[in-house]
Amino acid sequence: MNLPKATSLEWLRELIVISINSRSNDFVVRRIERDARLLLDKRVEQPELCCLVLVSTAFLRGDECVRAVDAAYALARYDVVIMSNSASLLINLGLPRLAVIYARRLAALCNADARQAVNAVNVLYAALHIEEAAAFLWEVEKKLPPGAGSILAAQLDGVSVSFQASDVGVELPVALMETAVSAIESEGYSIRYTAPVHCLDNTLGYELYVDQSSSQCANLSFSIADALTEKFDDPFPELITFGCRPRASYIPAGKIIELAA
């Protein structure tokens, strides 16, 4: 199969459009997955991008994709696009610890690329490493257009102060998030997207998206609350709350990474 070098990028663009529109097209996803595997087996043109295509198809089909992320990284340890998309996909799957690993790798590579640097900040934020996200944003803010990072910086600083005032470090919020994710997965559902929502009082409402109706998501939100109160003496609901929402209501808000031409 003699394909041009742009093929894998075009596949990724097509998959991103499907993801943004929250309308899965199983036929298209499976076709792209099949062709990417054929191209990867032939070991021609940018195998790391083919691995990233397989990561995206697994994500859209709700399959395990961590192995594909690791395979893409093994092939392209210094590729900013691979790192950026991998970090975003991992946090959208509700895997904060793995997402942080890739966000840090991205941060180490992207100092000259403000757009990707902001994505590293966003992934760290979504993985509830608030202080680390704020510190890295402070490092790269001078490379952004004037005022571009001011709103995000204010949010991070405000939440960081709230957490510090209650003596809440990194580990507890991450453990709370993992418990919320486990509560959903124990009901047989997969996380499709995640989003921390900043509140005016500098607390967080954390939204976990699944392919279910609003009524089912309401039931899952009760399951999350039960799991948190059962596992933690104090889950700090005055600082961070977790809820479940339908995937169809998700607005990417810049979390989907644009691909280089």
C-alpha atoms as a PDB file:
ATOM      1  CA  MET A   1       0.000   0.000   0.000  1.00  0.00           C
ATOM      2  CA  ASN A   2       1.894   3.037  -1.282  1.00  0.00           C
ATOM      3  CA  LEU A   3       0.406   5.949   0.657  1.00  0.00           C
ATOM      4  CA  PRO A   4       1.604   9.558   0.839  1.00  0.00           C
ATOM      5  CA  LYS A   5       3.183  10.782   4.040  1.00  0.00           C
ATOM      6  CA  ALA A   6       0.161  12.964   4.803  1.00  0.00           C
ATOM      7  CA  THR A   7      -2.175   9.978   5.109  1.00  0.00           C
ATOM      8  CA  SER A   8      -1.747   9.363   8.824  1.00  0.00           C
ATOM      9  CA  LEU A   9      -2.214  13.057   9.570  1.00  0.00           C
ATOM     10  CA  GLU A  10      -5.371  13.135   7.476  1.00  0.00           C
ATOM     11  CA  TRP A  11      -6.664  10.132   9.415  1.00  0.00           C
ATOM     12  CA  LEU A  12      -5.973  11.942  12.678  1.00  0.00           C
ATOM     13  CA  ARG A  13      -7.776  15.056  11.461  1.00  0.00           C
ATOM     14  CA  GLU A  14     -10.769  12.931  10.473  1.00  0.00           C
ATOM     15  CA  LEU A  15     -10.824  11.214  13.867  1.00  0.00           C
ATOM     16  CA  ILE A  16     -10.572  14.551  15.679  1.00  0.00           C
ATOM     17  CA  VAL A  17     -13.588  15.861  13.752  1.00  0.00           C
ATOM     18  CA  ILE A  18     -15.554  12.764  14.781  1.00  0.00           C
ATOM     19  CA  SER A  19     -14.466  13.261  18.376  1.00  0.00           C
ATOM     20  CA  ILE A  20     -15.322  16.967  18.463  1.00  0.00           C
ATOM     21  CA  ASN A  21     -18.769  16.349  16.973  1.00  0.00           C
ATOM     22  CA  SER A  22     -19.426  13.563  19.521  1.00  0.00           C
ATOM     23  CA  ARG A  23     -20.883  11.488  16.715  1.00  0.00           C
ATOM     24  CA  SER A  24     -19.122   8.177  16.422  1.00  0.00           C
ATOM     25  CA  ASN A  25     -19.005   6.657  12.940  1.00  0.00           C
ATOM     26  CA  ASP A  26     -18.089   3.032  13.540  1.00  0.00           C
ATOM     27  CA  PHE A  27     -17.576   2.271   9.858  1.00  0.00           C
ATOM     28  CA  VAL A  28     -15.119   5.143   9.348  1.00  0.00           C
ATOM     29  CA  VAL A  29     -13.289   4.437  12.612  1.00  0.00           C
ATOM     30  CA  ARG A  30     -12.860   0.745  11.812  1.00  0.00           C
ATOM     31  CA  ARG A  31     -11.743   1.505   8.248  1.00  0.00           C
ATOM     32  CA  ILE A  32      -9.098   3.908   9.493  1.00  0.00           C
ATOM     33  CA  GLU A  33      -7.992   1.429  12.145  1.00  0.00           C
ATOM     34  CA  ARG A  34      -7.626  -1.345   9.545  1.00  0.00           C
ATOM     35  CA  ASP A  35      -5.652   0.827   7.146  1.00  0.00           C
ATOM     36  CA  ALA A  36      -3.402   2.142   9.912  1.00  0.00           C
ATOM     37  CA  ARG A  37      -2.572  -1.401  11.013  1.00  0.00           C
ATOM     38  CA  LEU A  38      -1.725  -2.338   7.431  1.00  0.00           C
ATOM     39  CA  LEU A  39       0.527   0.664   7.106  1.00  0.00           C
ATOM     40  CA  LEU A  40       2.182  -0.041  10.454  1.00  0.00           C
ATOM     41  CA  ASP A  41       2.787  -3.695   9.536  1.00  0.00           C
ATOM     42  CA  LYS A  42       4.600  -2.575   6.390  1.00  0.00           C
ATOM     43  CA  ARG A  43       6.868  -0.384   8.550  1.00  0.00           C
ATOM     44  CA  VAL A  44       6.727   2.578   6.212  1.00  0.00           C
ATOM     45  CA  GLU A  45       6.187   6.333   6.755  1.00  0.00           C
ATOM     46  CA  GLN A  46       5.927   7.659  10.259  1.00  0.00           C
ATOM     47  CA  PRO A  47       4.962   4.544  12.235  1.00  0.00           C
ATOM     48  CA  GLU A  48       4.603   6.681  15.374  1.00  0.00           C
ATOM     49  CA  LEU A  49       1.712   8.564  13.731  1.00  0.00           C
ATOM     50  CA  CYS A  50       0.091   5.270  12.791  1.00  0.00           C
ATOM     51  CA  CYS A  51       0.325   4.286  16.449  1.00  0.00           C
ATOM     52  CA  LEU A  52      -1.314   7.569  17.393  1.00  0.00           C
ATOM     53  CA  VAL A  53      -4.080   6.841  14.884  1.00  0.00           C
ATOM     54  CA  LEU A  54      -4.615   3.494  16.633  1.00  0.00           C
ATOM     55  CA  VAL A  55      -4.700   5.311  19.970  1.00  0.00           C
ATOM     56  CA  SER A  56      -7.455   7.571  18.619  1.00  0.00           C
ATOM     57  CA  THR A  57      -9.504   4.736  17.116  1.00  0.00           C
ATOM     58  CA  ALA A  58      -9.275   2.767  20.366  1.00  0.00           C
ATOM     59  CA  PHE A  59     -10.391   5.859  22.257  1.00  0.00           C
ATOM     60  CA  LEU A  60     -13.392   6.389  19.981  1.00  0.00           C
ATOM     61  CA  ARG A  61     -14.380   2.731  20.216  1.00  0.00           C
ATOM     62  CA  GLY A  62     -13.958   2.687  23.992  1.00  0.00           C
ATOM     63  CA  ASP A  63     -11.119   0.159  23.898  1.00  0.00           C
ATOM     64  CA  GLU A  64      -7.866  -0.025  25.828  1.00  0.00           C
ATOM     65  CA  CYS A  65      -5.441   2.420  24.255  1.00  0.00           C
ATOM     66  CA  VAL A  66      -2.665   2.851  26.827  1.00  0.00           C
ATOM     67  CA  ARG A  67      -0.523   0.246  25.070  1.00  0.00           C
ATOM     68  CA  ALA A  68      -0.849   2.146  21.792  1.00  0.00           C
ATOM     69  CA  VAL A  69       0.142   5.390  23.539  1.00  0.00           C
ATOM     70  CA  ASP A  70       3.266   3.727  24.903  1.00  0.00           C
ATOM     71  CA  ALA A  71       4.065   2.283  21.466  1.00  0.00           C
ATOM     72  CA  ALA A  72       3.789   5.715  19.861  1.00  0.00           C
ATOM     73  CA  TYR A  73       6.061   7.170  22.535  1.00  0.00           C
ATOM     74  CA  ALA A  74       8.639   4.417  22.046  1.00  0.00           C
ATOM     75  CA  LEU A  75       8.826   5.333  18.365  1.00  0.00           C
ATOM     76  CA  ALA A  76       8.907   9.104  18.816  1.00  0.00           C
ATOM     77  CA  ARG A  77      10.192  10.200  22.206  1.00  0.00           C
ATOM     78  CA  TYR A  78      10.829  13.754  21.035  1.00  0.00           C
ATOM     79  CA  ASP A  79       7.729  14.344  18.917  1.00  0.00           C
ATOM     80  CA  VAL A  80       5.643  17.174  20.369  1.00  0.00           C
ATOM     81  CA  VAL A  81       2.491  16.203  18.443  1.00  0.00           C
ATOM     82  CA  ILE A  82       2.654  12.621  19.721  1.00  0.00           C
ATOM     83  CA  MET A  83       3.233  13.777  23.291  1.00  0.00           C
ATOM     84  CA  SER A  84       0.518  16.415  23.183  1.00  0.00           C
ATOM     85  CA  ASN A  85      -2.200  14.176  21.780  1.00  0.00           C
ATOM     86  CA  SER A  86      -1.218  11.295  24.042  1.00  0.00           C
ATOM     87  CA  ALA A  87      -1.448  13.476  27.155  1.00  0.00           C
ATOM     88  CA  SER A  88      -4.866  14.789  26.095  1.00  0.00           C
ATOM     89  CA  LEU A  89      -6.235  11.343  25.301  1.00  0.00           C
ATOM     90  CA  LEU A  90      -5.029   9.879  28.600  1.00  0.00           C
ATOM     91  CA  ILE A  91      -6.669  12.563  30.720  1.00  0.00           C
ATOM     92  CA  ASN A  92      -9.860  12.252  28.669  1.00  0.00           C
ATOM     93  CA  LEU A  93      -9.897   8.567  29.578  1.00  0.00           C
ATOM     94  CA  GLY A  94      -9.765   9.470  33.265  1.00  0.00           C
ATOM     95  CA  LEU A  95      -6.146   8.377  33.801  1.00  0.00           C
ATOM     96  CA  PRO A  96      -4.585  11.317  35.688  1.00  0.00           C
ATOM     97  CA  ARG A  97      -1.324   9.653  36.720  1.00  0.00           C
ATOM     98  CA  LEU A  98      -0.454   8.511  33.211  1.00  0.00           C
ATOM     99  CA  ALA A  99      -1.597  11.821  31.746  1.00  0.00           C
ATOM    100  CA  VAL A 100       0.768  13.709  34.059  1.00  0.00           C
ATOM    101  CA  ILE A 101       3.703  11.615  32.858  1.00  0.00           C
ATOM    102  CA  TYR A 102       3.008  12.615  29.267  1.00  0.00           C
ATOM    103  CA  ALA A 103       2.209  16.219  30.180  1.00  0.00           C
ATOM    104  CA  ARG A 104       5.604  16.505  31.836  1.00  0.00           C
ATOM    105  CA  ARG A 105       7.282  14.989  28.789  1.00  0.00           C
ATOM    106  CA  LEU A 106       5.423  17.498  26.641  1.00  0.00           C
ATOM    107  CA  ALA A 107       6.437  20.363  28.925  1.00  0.00           C
ATOM    108  CA  ALA A 108      10.075  19.347  28.571  1.00  0.00           C
ATOM    109  CA  LEU A 109       9.825  19.536  24.774  1.00  0.00           C
ATOM    110  CA  CYS A 110       7.586  22.470  23.998  1.00  0.00           C
ATOM    111  CA  ASN A 111       9.149  25.584  25.481  1.00  0.00           C
ATOM    112  CA  ALA A 112       9.392  27.071  21.986  1.00  0.00           C
ATOM    113  CA  ASP A 113       5.782  26.189  21.148  1.00  0.00           C
ATOM    114  CA  ALA A 114       3.376  28.261  23.227  1.00  0.00           C
ATOM    115  CA  ARG A 115       0.268  26.446  21.987  1.00  0.00           C
ATOM    116  CA  GLN A 116       1.572  23.054  23.026  1.00  0.00           C
ATOM    117  CA  ALA A 117       2.878  24.476  26.286  1.00  0.00           C
ATOM    118  CA  VAL A 118      -0.617  25.639  27.156  1.00  0.00           C
ATOM    119  CA  ASN A 119      -1.897  22.151  26.393  1.00  0.00           C
ATOM    120  CA  ALA A 120       0.622  20.744  28.880  1.00  0.00           C
ATOM    121  CA  VAL A 121      -0.767  23.213  31.429  1.00  0.00           C
ATOM    122  CA  ASN A 122      -4.346  22.181  30.632  1.00  0.00           C
ATOM    123  CA  VAL A 123      -3.553  18.482  31.043  1.00  0.00           C
ATOM    124  CA  LEU A 124      -1.789  19.095  34.363  1.00  0.00           C
ATOM    125  CA  TYR A 125      -4.806  21.145  35.446  1.00  0.00           C
ATOM    126  CA  ALA A 126      -7.230  18.403  34.418  1.00  0.00           C
ATOM    127  CA  ALA A 127      -5.046  15.853  36.216  1.00  0.00           C
ATOM    128  CA  LEU A 128      -5.434  18.021  39.339  1.00  0.00           C
ATOM    129  CA  HIS A 129      -1.761  18.920  39.614  1.00  0.00           C
ATOM    130  CA  ILE A 130      -2.814  22.510  40.185  1.00  0.00           C
ATOM    131  CA  GLU A 131       0.376  24.025  41.575  1.00  0.00           C
ATOM    132  CA  GLU A 132       2.521  22.331  38.930  1.00  0.00           C
ATOM    133  CA  ALA A 133       0.215  23.611  36.191  1.00  0.00           C
ATOM    134  CA  ALA A 134       0.366  27.146  37.609  1.00  0.00           C
ATOM    135  CA  ALA A 135       4.161  27.060  37.873  1.00  0.00           C
ATOM    136  CA  PHE A 136       4.608  25.886  34.291  1.00  0.00           C
ATOM    137  CA  LEU A 137       2.135  28.462  32.976  1.00  0.00           C
ATOM    138  CA  TRP A 138       4.131  31.167  34.757  1.00  0.00           C
ATOM    139  CA  GLU A 139       7.249  29.923  32.924  1.00  0.00           C
ATOM    140  CA  VAL A 140       5.694  30.062  29.464  1.00  0.00           C
ATOM    141  CA  GLU A 141       3.303  33.007  29.873  1.00  0.00           C
ATOM    142  CA  LYS A 142       5.864  35.476  28.534  1.00  0.00           C
ATOM    143  CA  LYS A 143       5.787  33.614  25.207  1.00  0.00           C
ATOM    144  CA  LEU A 144       2.020  33.997  24.872  1.00  0.00           C
ATOM    145  CA  PRO A 145       0.194  36.981  23.362  1.00  0.00           C
ATOM    146  CA  PRO A 146      -0.407  39.684  26.002  1.00  0.00           C
ATOM    147  CA  GLY A 147      -3.154  38.577  28.370  1.00  0.00           C
ATOM    148  CA  ALA A 148      -3.622  35.197  26.653  1.00  0.00           C
ATOM    149  CA  GLY A 149      -2.940  33.167  29.778  1.00  0.00           C
ATOM    150  CA  SER A 150      -4.291  35.584  32.363  1.00  0.00           C
ATOM    151  CA  ILE A 151      -7.690  33.951  32.901  1.00  0.00           C
ATOM    152  CA  LEU A 152      -6.196  30.467  33.193  1.00  0.00           C
ATOM    153  CA  ALA A 153      -3.465  31.762  35.516  1.00  0.00           C
ATOM    154  CA  ALA A 154      -6.041  33.426  37.765  1.00  0.00           C
ATOM    155  CA  GLN A 155      -8.068  30.214  37.929  1.00  0.00           C
ATOM    156  CA  LEU A 156      -5.042  28.089  38.780  1.00  0.00           C
ATOM    157  CA  ASP A 157      -3.797  30.534  41.396  1.00  0.00           C
ATOM    158  CA  GLY A 158      -7.232  30.784  42.994  1.00  0.00           C
ATOM    159  CA  VAL A 159      -7.789  27.029  43.186  1.00  0.00           C
ATOM    160  CA  SER A 160      -4.240  26.525  44.450  1.00  0.00           C
ATOM    161  CA  VAL A 161      -4.849  28.986  47.302  1.00  0.00           C
ATOM    162  CA  SER A 162      -8.132  27.239  48.187  1.00  0.00           C
ATOM    163  CA  PHE A 163      -6.477  23.831  48.284  1.00  0.00           C
ATOM    164  CA  GLN A 164      -3.519  25.120  50.316  1.00  0.00           C
ATOM    165  CA  ALA A 165      -5.836  26.790  52.842  1.00  0.00           C
ATOM    166  CA  SER A 166      -7.402  23.392  53.539  1.00  0.00           C
ATOM    167  CA  ASP A 167      -4.007  21.653  53.515  1.00  0.00           C
ATOM    168  CA  VAL A 168      -4.986  19.578  50.478  1.00  0.00           C
ATOM    169  CA  GLY A 169      -1.979  18.500  48.416  1.00  0.00           C
ATOM    170  CA  VAL A 170      -1.782  16.697  45.084  1.00  0.00           C
ATOM    171  CA  GLU A 171      -2.398  13.122  46.150  1.00  0.00           C
ATOM    172  CA  LEU A 172      -5.873  13.530  47.629  1.00  0.00           C
ATOM    173  CA  PRO A 173      -7.543  15.224  44.619  1.00  0.00           C
ATOM    174  CA  VAL A 174      -6.005  12.633  42.285  1.00  0.00           C
ATOM    175  CA  ALA A 175      -7.233   9.805  44.520  1.00  0.00           C
ATOM    176  CA  LEU A 176     -10.689  11.392  44.615  1.00  0.00           C
ATOM    177  CA  MET A 177     -10.748  11.554  40.830  1.00  0.00           C
ATOM    178  CA  GLU A 178      -9.637   7.931  40.488  1.00  0.00           C
ATOM    179  CA  THR A 179     -12.381   6.860  42.889  1.00  0.00           C
ATOM    180  CA  ALA A 180     -14.987   8.783  40.869  1.00  0.00           C
ATOM    181  CA  VAL A 181     -13.736   7.185  37.650  1.00  0.00           C
ATOM    182  CA  SER A 182     -13.781   3.721  39.255  1.00  0.00           C
ATOM    183  CA  ALA A 183     -17.355   4.268  40.426  1.00  0.00           C
ATOM    184  CA  ILE A 184     -18.428   4.875  36.823  1.00  0.00           C
ATOM    185  CA  GLU A 185     -16.386   2.008  35.423  1.00  0.00           C
ATOM    186  CA  SER A 186     -17.765  -0.376  38.049  1.00  0.00           C
ATOM    187  CA  GLU A 187     -21.192   0.245  36.495  1.00  0.00           C
ATOM    188  CA  GLY A 188     -19.839  -0.884  33.119  1.00  0.00           C
ATOM    189  CA  TYR A 189     -19.239   2.507  31.492  1.00  0.00           C
ATOM    190  CA  SER A 190     -16.100   4.149  30.105  1.00  0.00           C
ATOM    191  CA  ILE A 191     -14.970   7.720  30.594  1.00  0.00           C
ATOM    192  CA  ARG A 192     -14.990   9.566  27.289  1.00  0.00           C
ATOM    193  CA  TYR A 193     -13.908  13.058  28.348  1.00  0.00           C
ATOM    194  CA  THR A 194     -12.988  14.931  31.513  1.00  0.00           C
ATOM    195  CA  ALA A 195     -13.206  18.608  32.395  1.00  0.00           C
ATOM    196  CA  PRO A 196     -12.426  20.575  35.556  1.00  0.00           C
ATOM    197  CA  VAL A 197     -14.817  23.521  35.822  1.00  0.00           C
ATOM    198  CA  HIS A 198     -13.596  26.542  37.769  1.00  0.00           C
ATOM    199  CA  CYS A 199     -16.171  28.071  40.111  1.00  0.00           C
ATOM    200  CA  LEU A 200     -16.262  31.714  41.170  1.00  0.00           C
ATOM    201  CA  ASP A 201     -15.305  30.819  44.754  1.00  0.00           C
ATOM    202  CA  ASN A 202     -12.116  29.146  43.472  1.00  0.00           C
ATOM    203  CA  THR A 203     -13.391  25.611  43.920  1.00  0.00           C
ATOM    204  CA  LEU A 204     -13.746  22.956  41.221  1.00  0.00           C
ATOM    205  CA  GLY A 205     -16.655  21.041  39.803  1.00  0.00           C
ATOM    206  CA  TYR A 206     -15.150  18.105  37.932  1.00  0.00           C
ATOM    207  CA  GLU A 207     -17.195  16.666  35.057  1.00  0.00           C
ATOM    208  CA  LEU A 208     -16.786  13.125  33.751  1.00  0.00           C
ATOM    209  CA  TYR A 209     -18.473  12.373  30.433  1.00  0.00           C
ATOM    210  CA  VAL A 210     -19.892   9.029  29.301  1.00  0.00           C
ATOM    211  CA  ASP A 211     -22.008   7.781  26.391  1.00  0.00           C
ATOM    212  CA  GLN A 212     -25.250   7.732  28.358  1.00  0.00           C
ATOM    213  CA  SER A 213     -28.446   9.701  28.808  1.00  0.00           C
ATOM    214  CA  SER A 214     -28.890  12.546  31.272  1.00  0.00           C
ATOM    215  CA  SER A 215     -30.971  10.366  33.592  1.00  0.00           C
ATOM    216  CA  GLN A 216     -28.364   7.610  33.629  1.00  0.00           C
ATOM    217  CA  CYS A 217     -25.635  10.186  34.259  1.00  0.00           C
ATOM    218  CA  ALA A 218     -27.619  11.464  37.236  1.00  0.00           C
ATOM    219  CA  ASN A 219     -27.658   7.939  38.659  1.00  0.00           C
ATOM    220  CA  LEU A 220     -23.918   7.634  38.072  1.00  0.00           C
ATOM    221  CA  SER A 221     -23.343  10.917  39.887  1.00  0.00           C
ATOM    222  CA  PHE A 222     -25.052   9.417  42.940  1.00  0.00           C
ATOM    223  CA  SER A 223     -22.796   6.363  42.593  1.00  0.00           C
ATOM    224  CA  ILE A 224     -19.771   8.662  42.590  1.00  0.00           C
ATOM    225  CA  ALA A 225     -20.957  10.422  45.742  1.00  0.00           C
ATOM    226  CA  ASP A 226     -21.540   7.087  47.488  1.00  0.00           C
ATOM    227  CA  ALA A 227     -18.072   5.824  46.512  1.00  0.00           C
ATOM    228  CA  LEU A 228     -16.337   8.991  47.718  1.00  0.00           C
ATOM    229  CA  THR A 229     -18.087   9.082  51.094  1.00  0.00           C
ATOM    230  CA  GLU A 230     -17.445   5.370  51.597  1.00  0.00           C
ATOM    231  CA  LYS A 231     -13.720   5.526  50.823  1.00  0.00           C
ATOM    232  CA  PHE A 232     -12.722   8.890  52.335  1.00  0.00           C
ATOM    233  CA  ASP A 233     -13.340  10.265  55.803  1.00  0.00           C
ATOM    234  CA  ASP A 234     -13.426  13.722  54.237  1.00  0.00           C
ATOM    235  CA  PRO A 235     -13.655  13.972  50.421  1.00  0.00           C
ATOM    236  CA  PHE A 236     -13.595  17.799  50.701  1.00  0.00           C
ATOM    237  CA  PRO A 237     -16.819  18.496  48.785  1.00  0.00           C
ATOM    238  CA  GLU A 238     -16.419  22.178  49.641  1.00  0.00           C
ATOM    239  CA  LEU A 239     -13.299  22.194  47.421  1.00  0.00           C
ATOM    240  CA  ILE A 240     -14.018  19.740  44.631  1.00  0.00           C
ATOM    241  CA  THR A 241     -17.084  17.818  43.502  1.00  0.00           C
ATOM    242  CA  PHE A 242     -17.435  15.179  40.800  1.00  0.00           C
ATOM    243  CA  GLY A 243     -20.379  14.603  38.508  1.00  0.00           C
ATOM    244  CA  CYS A 244     -21.245  12.613  35.417  1.00  0.00           C
ATOM    245  CA  ARG A 245     -22.591  14.134  32.210  1.00  0.00           C
ATOM    246  CA  PRO A 246     -23.620  12.843  28.741  1.00  0.00           C
ATOM    247  CA  ARG A 247     -20.839  12.847  26.189  1.00  0.00           C
ATOM    248  CA  ALA A 248     -23.120  14.609  23.691  1.00  0.00           C
ATOM    249  CA  SER A 249     -23.075  17.703  25.917  1.00  0.00           C
ATOM    250  CA  TYR A 250     -19.282  17.976  25.950  1.00  0.00           C
ATOM    251  CA  ILE A 251     -17.646  21.125  24.526  1.00  0.00           C
ATOM    252  CA  PRO A 252     -13.916  20.561  23.814  1.00  0.00           C
ATOM    253  CA  ALA A 253     -12.831  24.129  24.732  1.00  0.00           C
ATOM    254  CA  GLY A 254      -9.435  23.731  23.158  1.00  0.00           C
ATOM    255  CA  LYS A 255      -8.543  20.342  24.619  1.00  0.00           C
ATOM    256  CA  ILE A 256      -8.420  18.674  21.215  1.00  0.00           C
ATOM    257  CA  ILE A 257      -5.025  19.393  19.753  1.00  0.00           C
ATOM    258  CA  GLU A 258      -4.626  20.785  16.260  1.00  0.00           C
ATOM    259  CA  LEU A 259      -2.159  18.871  14.144  1.00  0.00           C
ATOM    260  CA  ALA A 260       0.808  20.417  12.457  1.00  0.00           C
ATOM    261  CA  ALA A 261       0.549  20.616   8.679  1.00  0.00           C
END
